[in-house]
């Protein structure tokens, strides 16, 4: 998924049952030592040191700040946010940043539910499984997921 503003891509993102991953392309020549990234339970603030934040926004849902982190990988800033509620499908990373449409949200719920089934039953292959009708919320189905 990608968030665009003013015709430019601001970041890309994806999610698993346990985390949301944010990918930001820093300006050329900017390394990890030049960046800051502050992660709290409900917000992320990041940018180049000595400048206003590139991104300063409330997350779409709560995260476990102590288990969240950021790294530079192949010249790209990668922020990993640990979900407070494992299995919860996020429609966007941040409040006010658009989000997935209903079909996209349903697709994410189905994908996360299959990922959950695969983790809970590693001996089975769910790769060809399909849902008929609406998919339940993976974070609440049958009592939810434990951390």
Protein backbone atom coordinates (compact mmCIF):
# COMPACT_ATOMS: atom_id res chain seq x y z
CA UNK A 1 0.00 0.00 0.00
CA UNK A 2 1.19 3.55 -0.55
CA UNK A 3 0.18 6.92 0.88
CA UNK A 4 0.42 9.82 -1.53
CA UNK A 5 0.08 13.53 -0.87
CA UNK A 6 0.25 16.28 -3.49
CA UNK A 7 0.95 13.70 -6.18
CA UNK A 8 4.05 12.37 -4.40
CA UNK A 9 4.51 9.11 -2.57
CA UNK A 10 5.12 9.85 1.12
CA UNK A 11 5.55 6.24 2.27
CA UNK A 12 4.66 2.64 1.57
CA UNK A 13 3.30 0.22 4.14
CA UNK A 14 2.18 -3.32 4.80
CA UNK A 15 1.08 -5.35 7.78
CA UNK A 16 1.16 -8.78 9.37
CA UNK A 17 -0.94 -10.09 12.25
CA UNK A 18 1.60 -8.66 14.72
CA UNK A 19 3.05 -5.55 13.09
CA UNK A 20 2.66 -2.67 10.67
CA UNK A 21 5.69 -1.84 8.52
CA UNK A 22 6.33 1.65 7.18
CA UNK A 23 8.88 2.34 4.41
CA UNK A 24 10.16 5.87 3.74
CA UNK A 25 12.72 6.91 1.14
CA UNK A 26 14.99 9.55 2.77
CA UNK A 27 16.63 12.30 0.72
CA UNK A 28 19.81 11.33 -1.18
CA UNK A 29 22.90 11.22 1.01
CA UNK A 30 20.94 10.99 4.27
CA UNK A 31 22.03 8.12 6.51
CA UNK A 32 20.72 6.62 9.73
CA UNK A 33 22.76 8.99 11.89
CA UNK A 34 21.06 11.95 10.22
CA UNK A 35 17.55 10.74 11.08
CA UNK A 36 15.34 10.73 14.13
CA UNK A 37 12.32 8.52 14.74
CA UNK A 38 10.22 8.78 17.89
CA UNK A 39 7.59 6.10 18.41
CA UNK A 40 4.98 6.36 21.16
CA UNK A 41 1.87 4.28 21.88
CA UNK A 42 -0.25 6.44 19.56
CA UNK A 43 2.10 8.42 17.28
CA UNK A 44 5.20 8.43 15.11
CA UNK A 45 7.44 11.42 14.53
CA UNK A 46 10.35 11.14 12.10
CA UNK A 47 12.60 13.24 9.92
CA UNK A 48 16.09 14.61 9.35
CA UNK A 49 17.79 15.98 12.48
CA UNK A 50 17.78 19.77 12.67
CA UNK A 51 14.69 20.05 10.44
CA UNK A 52 10.95 19.99 11.08
CA UNK A 53 9.54 16.44 11.12
CA UNK A 54 8.86 14.88 7.74
CA UNK A 55 6.06 12.91 9.37
CA UNK A 56 4.35 13.63 12.69
CA UNK A 57 1.07 11.74 12.95
CA UNK A 58 -1.20 9.74 15.23
CA UNK A 59 -1.27 6.03 14.44
CA UNK A 60 -4.54 4.45 13.33
CA UNK A 61 -4.45 2.16 16.38
CA UNK A 62 -2.32 1.65 19.48
CA UNK A 63 1.19 0.19 19.24
CA UNK A 64 3.60 -1.30 21.78
CA UNK A 65 6.20 1.46 21.68
CA UNK A 66 8.85 -0.55 23.56
CA UNK A 67 8.71 -3.34 20.98
CA UNK A 68 8.60 -1.01 17.96
CA UNK A 69 11.78 0.13 16.23
CA UNK A 70 13.31 1.62 13.11
CA UNK A 71 16.27 0.72 10.91
CA UNK A 72 17.85 1.76 7.64
CA UNK A 73 17.80 -1.05 5.09
CA UNK A 74 19.30 -0.57 1.63
CA UNK A 75 19.00 3.22 1.92
CA UNK A 76 15.36 3.04 3.02
CA UNK A 77 13.96 3.94 6.44
CA UNK A 78 11.96 0.97 7.75
CA UNK A 79 9.74 1.52 10.82
CA UNK A 80 8.23 -1.56 12.48
CA UNK A 81 5.23 -0.86 14.71
CA UNK A 82 4.15 -3.72 16.99
CA UNK A 83 0.36 -3.83 17.17
CA UNK A 84 -1.18 -3.51 20.64
CA UNK A 85 -3.93 -5.88 19.46
CA UNK A 86 -2.40 -8.68 17.36
CA UNK A 87 -4.56 -9.62 14.40
CA UNK A 88 -6.25 -6.23 14.20
CA UNK A 89 -6.49 -5.19 10.54
CA UNK A 90 -5.38 -1.59 10.03
CA UNK A 91 -7.01 0.35 7.19
CA UNK A 92 -4.16 2.87 7.21
CA UNK A 93 -1.03 3.55 9.25
CA UNK A 94 -2.02 7.02 10.41
CA UNK A 95 -5.23 8.87 11.20
CA UNK A 96 -6.25 11.19 8.38
CA UNK A 97 -4.04 9.49 5.78
CA UNK A 98 -6.82 8.00 3.74
CA UNK A 99 -7.05 4.30 3.93
CA UNK A 100 -8.14 1.15 2.28
CA UNK A 101 -11.57 1.09 0.70
CA UNK A 102 -14.12 -1.49 1.88
CA UNK A 103 -12.90 -4.12 -0.59
CA UNK A 104 -9.27 -3.49 0.37
CA UNK A 105 -10.11 -3.67 4.07
CA UNK A 106 -11.96 -6.97 3.55
CA UNK A 107 -9.01 -8.32 1.57
CA UNK A 108 -6.59 -7.39 4.39
CA UNK A 109 -8.86 -9.04 6.99
CA UNK A 110 -8.95 -12.23 4.92
CA UNK A 111 -5.19 -12.23 4.39
CA UNK A 112 -4.54 -11.64 8.10
CA UNK A 113 -7.03 -14.35 9.09
CA UNK A 114 -5.26 -16.85 6.84
CA UNK A 115 -1.90 -15.77 8.29
CA UNK A 116 -3.34 -16.32 11.77
CA UNK A 117 -4.68 -19.79 10.84
CA UNK A 118 -1.27 -20.73 9.39
CA UNK A 119 0.54 -19.64 12.57
CA UNK A 120 -1.91 -21.46 14.82
CA UNK A 121 -1.91 -24.63 12.68
CA UNK A 122 1.55 -24.91 11.06
CA UNK A 123 0.91 -28.44 9.82
CA UNK A 124 -1.87 -27.30 7.50
CA UNK A 125 -1.64 -25.45 4.21
CA UNK A 126 -4.06 -22.54 3.95
CA UNK A 127 -2.51 -21.05 0.80
CA UNK A 128 -5.50 -21.96 -1.37
CA UNK A 129 -8.18 -21.22 1.25
CA UNK A 130 -10.96 -18.78 0.44
CA UNK A 131 -13.71 -17.17 2.50
CA UNK A 132 -17.33 -17.28 1.48
CA UNK A 133 -19.01 -14.17 2.82
CA UNK A 134 -17.57 -11.67 5.25
CA UNK A 135 -14.39 -12.51 7.09
CA UNK A 136 -14.43 -12.13 10.89
CA UNK A 137 -12.02 -9.73 12.56
CA UNK A 138 -8.79 -11.77 13.06
CA UNK A 139 -8.09 -9.95 16.34
CA UNK A 140 -11.40 -11.06 17.90
CA UNK A 141 -12.25 -14.38 16.23
CA UNK A 142 -12.59 -17.20 18.81
CA UNK A 143 -11.28 -15.10 21.68
CA UNK A 144 -8.63 -13.21 19.75
CA UNK A 145 -4.89 -13.67 19.67
CA UNK A 146 -2.47 -13.65 22.57
CA UNK A 147 0.74 -11.70 22.51
